[in-house]
N, C-alpha and C. Protein backbone atom coordinates (compact mmCIF):
# COMPACT_ATOMS: atom_id res chain seq x y z
N MET A 1 29.21 -19.58 20.39
CA MET A 1 30.04 -19.80 18.79
C MET A 1 30.42 -18.67 17.85
N THR A 2 31.48 -18.61 17.94
CA THR A 2 32.40 -17.91 17.04
C THR A 2 33.49 -18.27 16.02
N TYR A 3 32.76 -18.03 14.74
CA TYR A 3 33.57 -18.52 13.96
C TYR A 3 34.37 -17.42 12.97
N TYR A 4 36.11 -17.71 12.81
CA TYR A 4 36.27 -16.46 12.42
C TYR A 4 36.93 -16.78 11.03
N VAL A 5 37.08 -16.41 10.30
CA VAL A 5 37.23 -15.65 8.84
C VAL A 5 38.97 -16.21 8.79
N ASP A 6 39.54 -16.87 7.83
CA ASP A 6 41.20 -16.03 7.20
C ASP A 6 41.41 -14.93 7.66
N ASP A 7 42.85 -15.06 7.68
CA ASP A 7 43.41 -13.52 6.82
C ASP A 7 44.08 -12.91 5.89
N GLU A 8 44.13 -14.06 5.16
CA GLU A 8 44.01 -14.21 3.89
C GLU A 8 43.24 -13.56 3.15
N LYS A 9 41.21 -13.92 3.33
CA LYS A 9 40.51 -13.34 2.22
C LYS A 9 39.96 -12.17 3.21
N ILE A 10 40.07 -12.05 3.86
CA ILE A 10 39.67 -9.77 3.80
C ILE A 10 40.68 -8.99 4.96
N GLY A 11 41.58 -9.35 4.63
CA GLY A 11 43.25 -8.38 5.06
C GLY A 11 43.25 -8.79 6.45
N GLN A 12 44.55 -8.11 6.47
CA GLN A 12 45.62 -8.46 7.53
C GLN A 12 45.32 -7.36 8.84
N LYS A 13 44.44 -6.96 9.34
CA LYS A 13 44.01 -5.99 9.85
C LYS A 13 42.27 -6.00 10.58
N SER A 14 41.43 -6.47 9.33
CA SER A 14 40.65 -6.20 10.02
C SER A 14 39.55 -7.86 9.99
N ILE A 15 39.21 -7.81 10.91
CA ILE A 15 38.63 -9.38 11.50
C ILE A 15 37.09 -9.65 11.17
N GLN A 16 36.38 -10.46 10.81
CA GLN A 16 35.14 -10.98 10.72
C GLN A 16 35.01 -11.59 11.50
N TYR A 17 33.64 -12.04 12.15
CA TYR A 17 33.30 -13.21 12.58
C TYR A 17 31.81 -13.02 12.90
N ARG A 18 31.00 -14.72 12.34
CA ARG A 18 29.84 -14.83 13.02
C ARG A 18 29.34 -15.13 13.82
N THR A 19 28.56 -14.73 14.45
CA THR A 19 27.44 -14.88 15.91
C THR A 19 26.87 -16.01 15.54
N GLN A 20 27.14 -16.54 16.09
CA GLN A 20 25.38 -17.61 16.79
C GLN A 20 23.93 -17.36 16.57
N ALA A 21 24.06 -15.86 17.51
CA ALA A 21 22.58 -15.10 16.96
C ALA A 21 22.32 -15.38 15.58
N SER A 22 23.20 -14.82 14.59
CA SER A 22 22.88 -14.32 13.49
C SER A 22 23.02 -15.52 12.51
N GLU A 23 22.94 -16.98 13.01
CA GLU A 23 23.20 -18.39 12.29
C GLU A 23 21.61 -18.72 12.60
N SER A 24 21.16 -18.04 14.17
CA SER A 24 19.63 -18.85 14.32
C SER A 24 18.67 -17.54 13.26
N LYS A 25 19.02 -16.26 13.45
CA LYS A 25 18.19 -15.48 12.30
C LYS A 25 18.12 -16.21 10.98
N GLU A 26 19.08 -16.59 10.39
CA GLU A 26 18.79 -16.94 9.45
C GLU A 26 17.90 -18.16 9.66
N ILE A 27 18.30 -19.48 10.48
CA ILE A 27 17.36 -20.33 10.00
C ILE A 27 15.65 -20.37 10.63
N ASP A 28 16.10 -19.53 11.36
CA ASP A 28 14.27 -18.41 11.29
C ASP A 28 13.83 -18.33 10.29
N LEU A 29 14.42 -17.21 9.50
CA LEU A 29 14.35 -16.74 7.97
C LEU A 29 13.71 -18.34 7.22
N LEU A 30 14.65 -18.93 7.35
CA LEU A 30 14.28 -20.46 6.14
C LEU A 30 12.97 -20.64 6.69
N ILE A 31 12.99 -21.12 8.53
CA ILE A 31 11.75 -21.62 8.71
C ILE A 31 10.01 -20.71 8.21
N HIS A 32 10.20 -19.53 8.75
CA HIS A 32 9.58 -18.71 7.58
C HIS A 32 9.41 -19.55 6.43
N SER A 33 10.10 -18.88 5.53
CA SER A 33 10.10 -19.00 3.97
C SER A 33 9.04 -20.24 3.79
N LEU A 34 9.90 -21.29 4.21
CA LEU A 34 9.38 -22.82 3.89
C LEU A 34 8.10 -22.74 4.49
N GLY A 35 7.46 -22.05 5.58
CA GLY A 35 5.92 -22.00 6.18
C GLY A 35 5.50 -21.58 5.02
N ILE A 36 5.78 -20.52 4.56
CA ILE A 36 4.98 -19.71 3.60
C ILE A 36 5.16 -20.47 2.18
N ILE A 37 5.85 -21.61 1.28
CA ILE A 37 6.07 -22.49 0.29
C ILE A 37 5.00 -22.80 -0.22
N ILE A 38 4.97 -23.91 1.65
CA ILE A 38 3.87 -24.81 1.71
C ILE A 38 2.42 -24.30 1.67
N LYS A 39 2.09 -23.07 2.41
CA LYS A 39 0.82 -22.31 2.21
C LYS A 39 0.41 -22.24 0.50
N VAL A 40 1.32 -21.20 0.13
CA VAL A 40 1.54 -21.43 -1.23
C VAL A 40 0.89 -22.58 -2.11
N GLY A 41 2.08 -23.61 -2.01
CA GLY A 41 1.55 -25.15 -2.41
C GLY A 41 0.39 -25.57 -2.18
N ARG A 42 -0.38 -25.52 -1.12
CA ARG A 42 -1.43 -25.56 -0.67
C ARG A 42 -2.69 -25.48 -1.34
N TYR A 43 -2.33 -24.11 -1.60
CA TYR A 43 -3.24 -23.77 -2.92
C TYR A 43 -3.27 -23.32 -4.22
N PHE A 44 -1.90 -23.59 -4.51
CA PHE A 44 -1.37 -24.26 -5.92
C PHE A 44 -2.48 -23.95 -7.29
N PRO A 45 -2.81 -25.20 -7.07
CA PRO A 45 -4.58 -26.23 -7.87
C PRO A 45 -5.79 -24.53 -8.09
N ILE A 46 -5.54 -24.17 -7.08
CA ILE A 46 -6.59 -22.94 -7.24
C ILE A 46 -6.02 -21.70 -7.43
N ILE A 47 -5.16 -21.32 -7.17
CA ILE A 47 -4.95 -19.68 -8.21
C ILE A 47 -3.57 -20.23 -9.45
N LEU A 48 -3.70 -21.45 -9.42
CA LEU A 48 -3.28 -21.64 -11.32
C LEU A 48 -4.42 -21.54 -11.85
N LEU A 49 -5.50 -22.41 -11.54
CA LEU A 49 -7.21 -22.29 -12.34
C LEU A 49 -7.81 -20.75 -11.87
N SER A 50 -7.19 -20.12 -11.64
CA SER A 50 -7.31 -18.81 -11.22
C SER A 50 -7.47 -18.03 -12.70
N LEU A 51 -6.06 -17.73 -12.51
CA LEU A 51 -4.94 -17.30 -13.38
C LEU A 51 -5.70 -17.66 -15.58
N ALA A 52 -5.85 -19.04 -15.13
CA ALA A 52 -6.19 -19.75 -16.67
C ALA A 52 -7.66 -19.05 -16.53
N SER A 53 -8.45 -19.03 -15.78
CA SER A 53 -10.40 -18.35 -15.66
C SER A 53 -9.70 -16.84 -16.67
N LEU A 54 -8.54 -16.36 -15.76
CA LEU A 54 -8.36 -15.14 -16.28
C LEU A 54 -8.21 -14.89 -17.22
N ASN A 55 -7.46 -15.32 -17.87
CA ASN A 55 -6.66 -15.53 -18.88
C ASN A 55 -7.58 -15.49 -20.37
N ILE A 56 -8.56 -16.71 -20.04
CA ILE A 56 -9.81 -16.72 -20.34
C ILE A 56 -10.51 -15.77 -21.10
N LEU A 57 -10.84 -14.62 -19.83
CA LEU A 57 -11.37 -13.51 -20.52
C LEU A 57 -10.96 -12.57 -20.94
N MET A 58 -9.64 -12.88 -20.60
CA MET A 58 -8.72 -11.48 -21.51
C MET A 58 -8.84 -11.98 -23.40
N ALA A 59 -8.48 -13.21 -23.53
CA ALA A 59 -8.46 -13.94 -24.77
C ALA A 59 -9.81 -13.53 -25.06
N ALA A 60 -11.31 -13.49 -24.86
CA ALA A 60 -12.45 -13.20 -25.28
C ALA A 60 -12.11 -11.61 -25.25
N ASN A 61 -12.06 -10.81 -24.21
CA ASN A 61 -11.54 -9.49 -24.86
C ASN A 61 -11.09 -9.34 -26.07
N ASP A 62 -9.80 -9.74 -25.57
CA ASP A 62 -8.40 -9.73 -27.37
C ASP A 62 -9.21 -9.91 -28.21
N PHE A 63 -10.51 -10.89 -28.95
CA PHE A 63 -11.60 -11.49 -29.67
C PHE A 63 -12.53 -10.48 -29.86
N LEU A 64 -12.63 -10.05 -29.12
CA LEU A 64 -14.02 -8.82 -29.11
C LEU A 64 -13.26 -6.93 -29.67
N ALA A 65 -11.72 -6.85 -29.07
CA ALA A 65 -11.39 -5.78 -29.96
C ALA A 65 -10.67 -6.44 -30.92
N ASP A 66 -10.71 -7.23 -31.62
CA ASP A 66 -9.84 -7.83 -32.89
C ASP A 66 -8.59 -7.26 -32.75
N SER A 67 -7.55 -7.73 -31.32
CA SER A 67 -6.06 -8.23 -31.41
C SER A 67 -6.05 -9.49 -31.62
N LEU A 68 -5.67 -9.87 -32.25
CA LEU A 68 -5.47 -11.89 -32.48
C LEU A 68 -4.62 -12.13 -31.74
N ILE A 69 -3.48 -11.47 -32.19
CA ILE A 69 -2.17 -11.78 -31.18
C ILE A 69 -1.99 -12.07 -30.10
N PHE A 70 -2.72 -11.04 -29.35
CA PHE A 70 -3.13 -11.32 -27.77
C PHE A 70 -4.65 -11.91 -27.59
N ALA A 71 -4.49 -12.25 -28.34
CA ALA A 71 -5.98 -13.18 -27.58
C ALA A 71 -5.86 -14.51 -28.26
N THR A 72 -4.87 -15.33 -29.26
CA THR A 72 -4.24 -16.44 -29.16
C THR A 72 -2.85 -16.76 -28.23
N LEU A 73 -2.67 -15.53 -27.80
CA LEU A 73 -1.96 -15.82 -26.45
C LEU A 73 -2.53 -15.93 -25.18
N ASN A 74 -3.50 -15.69 -25.23
CA ASN A 74 -3.91 -15.30 -24.04
C ASN A 74 -4.45 -17.10 -23.81
N SER A 75 -4.85 -17.51 -25.22
CA SER A 75 -5.90 -18.65 -25.28
C SER A 75 -4.63 -20.08 -24.35
N ILE A 76 -3.31 -19.55 -25.08
CA ILE A 76 -2.16 -20.84 -25.49
C ILE A 76 -2.43 -20.44 -23.40
N PHE A 77 -2.32 -20.00 -23.17
CA PHE A 77 -2.21 -19.58 -21.57
C PHE A 77 -2.92 -20.36 -20.67
N ALA A 78 -3.94 -19.71 -21.32
CA ALA A 78 -5.53 -20.34 -20.63
C ALA A 78 -5.44 -21.86 -20.94
N LEU A 79 -5.11 -22.49 -21.62
CA LEU A 79 -4.67 -23.63 -22.19
C LEU A 79 -4.01 -24.95 -21.38
N SER A 80 -2.82 -23.95 -20.97
CA SER A 80 -1.88 -24.28 -20.27
C SER A 80 -1.91 -24.36 -19.45
N GLY A 81 -2.36 -23.36 -18.58
CA GLY A 81 -2.74 -23.41 -17.22
C GLY A 81 -3.61 -24.70 -16.63
N PHE A 82 -5.00 -24.72 -17.49
CA PHE A 82 -5.92 -25.90 -17.58
C PHE A 82 -5.74 -26.86 -17.53
N ILE A 83 -4.79 -27.55 -18.36
CA ILE A 83 -3.35 -28.78 -18.71
C ILE A 83 -3.10 -28.74 -17.84
N SER A 84 -2.70 -28.30 -16.76
CA SER A 84 -1.57 -28.36 -15.78
C SER A 84 -2.61 -28.64 -14.31
N VAL A 85 -3.39 -27.45 -14.38
CA VAL A 85 -4.68 -28.23 -13.52
C VAL A 85 -4.76 -30.00 -13.18
N VAL A 86 -5.44 -30.19 -14.48
CA VAL A 86 -5.62 -31.77 -14.69
C VAL A 86 -5.00 -32.38 -14.45
N GLN A 87 -3.77 -32.54 -15.45
CA GLN A 87 -2.43 -33.24 -14.41
C GLN A 87 -1.95 -32.89 -13.19
N MET A 88 -2.52 -32.44 -12.55
CA MET A 88 -1.88 -32.48 -10.59
C MET A 88 -2.84 -33.09 -10.43
N ARG A 89 -4.12 -32.93 -10.49
CA ARG A 89 -5.20 -33.31 -10.38
C ARG A 89 -5.55 -35.01 -10.96
N GLN A 90 -4.71 -35.65 -11.88
CA GLN A 90 -4.14 -37.18 -12.06
C GLN A 90 -3.29 -37.31 -11.43
N ARG A 91 -2.58 -36.60 -11.62
CA ARG A 91 -1.12 -36.97 -9.97
C ARG A 91 -2.17 -37.01 -8.66
N SER A 92 -2.95 -36.33 -8.32
CA SER A 92 -3.17 -36.58 -6.53
C SER A 92 -4.09 -37.69 -5.94
N GLN A 93 -4.17 -38.55 -7.52
CA GLN A 93 -5.20 -39.59 -7.82
C GLN A 93 -4.12 -40.92 -7.46
N VAL A 94 -3.46 -40.44 -8.21
CA VAL A 94 -2.47 -41.71 -8.37
C VAL A 94 -1.23 -42.19 -7.56
N HIS A 95 -1.31 -40.59 -6.69
CA HIS A 95 -0.52 -40.79 -5.45
C HIS A 95 -1.44 -39.83 -4.52
N PRO A 96 -2.00 -41.09 -3.64
CA PRO A 96 -2.46 -40.02 -2.46
C PRO A 96 -1.78 -40.13 -1.25
N ASN A 97 -1.93 -39.12 -0.81
CA ASN A 97 -0.78 -38.95 0.60
C ASN A 97 -2.26 -39.38 1.73
N LYS A 98 -2.94 -40.31 1.46
CA LYS A 98 -3.27 -41.05 2.66
C LYS A 98 -2.61 -42.47 3.61
N TYR A 99 -2.54 -42.68 4.70
CA TYR A 99 -2.21 -43.94 4.56
C TYR A 99 -3.55 -44.45 5.20
N SER A 100 -3.07 -45.86 4.93
CA SER A 100 -3.89 -47.12 5.24
C SER A 100 -4.06 -46.69 6.77
N PRO A 101 -6.03 -47.55 6.82
CA PRO A 101 -5.48 -48.24 8.76
C PRO A 101 -4.67 -48.58 9.51
N SER A 102 -4.02 -49.26 8.72
CA SER A 102 -3.11 -50.64 9.65
C SER A 102 -1.79 -49.78 10.30
N TYR A 103 -1.55 -48.66 9.03
CA TYR A 103 -0.28 -47.79 9.57
C TYR A 103 -0.48 -47.59 10.67
N ASN A 104 1.36 -47.53 11.59
CA ASN A 104 1.29 -47.21 12.95
C ASN A 104 1.53 -46.12 12.34
N LYS A 105 1.55 -44.89 12.91
CA LYS A 105 2.78 -43.79 12.91
C LYS A 105 4.24 -43.13 13.42
N LEU A 106 3.95 -44.15 14.42
CA LEU A 106 4.72 -44.39 15.51
C LEU A 106 6.02 -44.98 15.10
N THR A 107 5.94 -46.12 14.62
CA THR A 107 6.93 -46.99 14.54
C THR A 107 7.49 -47.24 12.79
N GLY A 108 6.25 -47.05 11.70
CA GLY A 108 6.11 -47.06 10.76
C GLY A 108 6.22 -48.57 9.98
N ASP A 109 5.12 -49.09 10.81
CA ASP A 109 4.54 -50.97 10.39
C ASP A 109 3.73 -50.49 10.18
N LEU A 110 3.35 -51.54 9.20
CA LEU A 110 2.31 -52.02 9.07
C LEU A 110 1.67 -53.20 9.22
N SER A 111 1.01 -53.34 9.76
CA SER A 111 0.44 -54.22 10.74
C SER A 111 -1.27 -54.02 10.88
């Protein structure tokens, strides 16, 4: 299937069109990028925890080097990272993604 663009938008003599193959490439790219986002999202708490730990180490180094501004900044980043991890943990306990044993996945009924 070919989609033609109006002549008013691109000029009188040129004709641009998009083929269905280019749309399938765009859809394939979208599916691939969503897969990457899902993989990163699955390990996001671990990534955030490691970055917060790295900020703690950088803050300790900055305190030892008498750089109080950067030490304070890294301490704030580390604290906010740990708070975010705790909030994600609490949210996963309140809203678990588990089905009850009586849930039928095919029909969606609780029986």
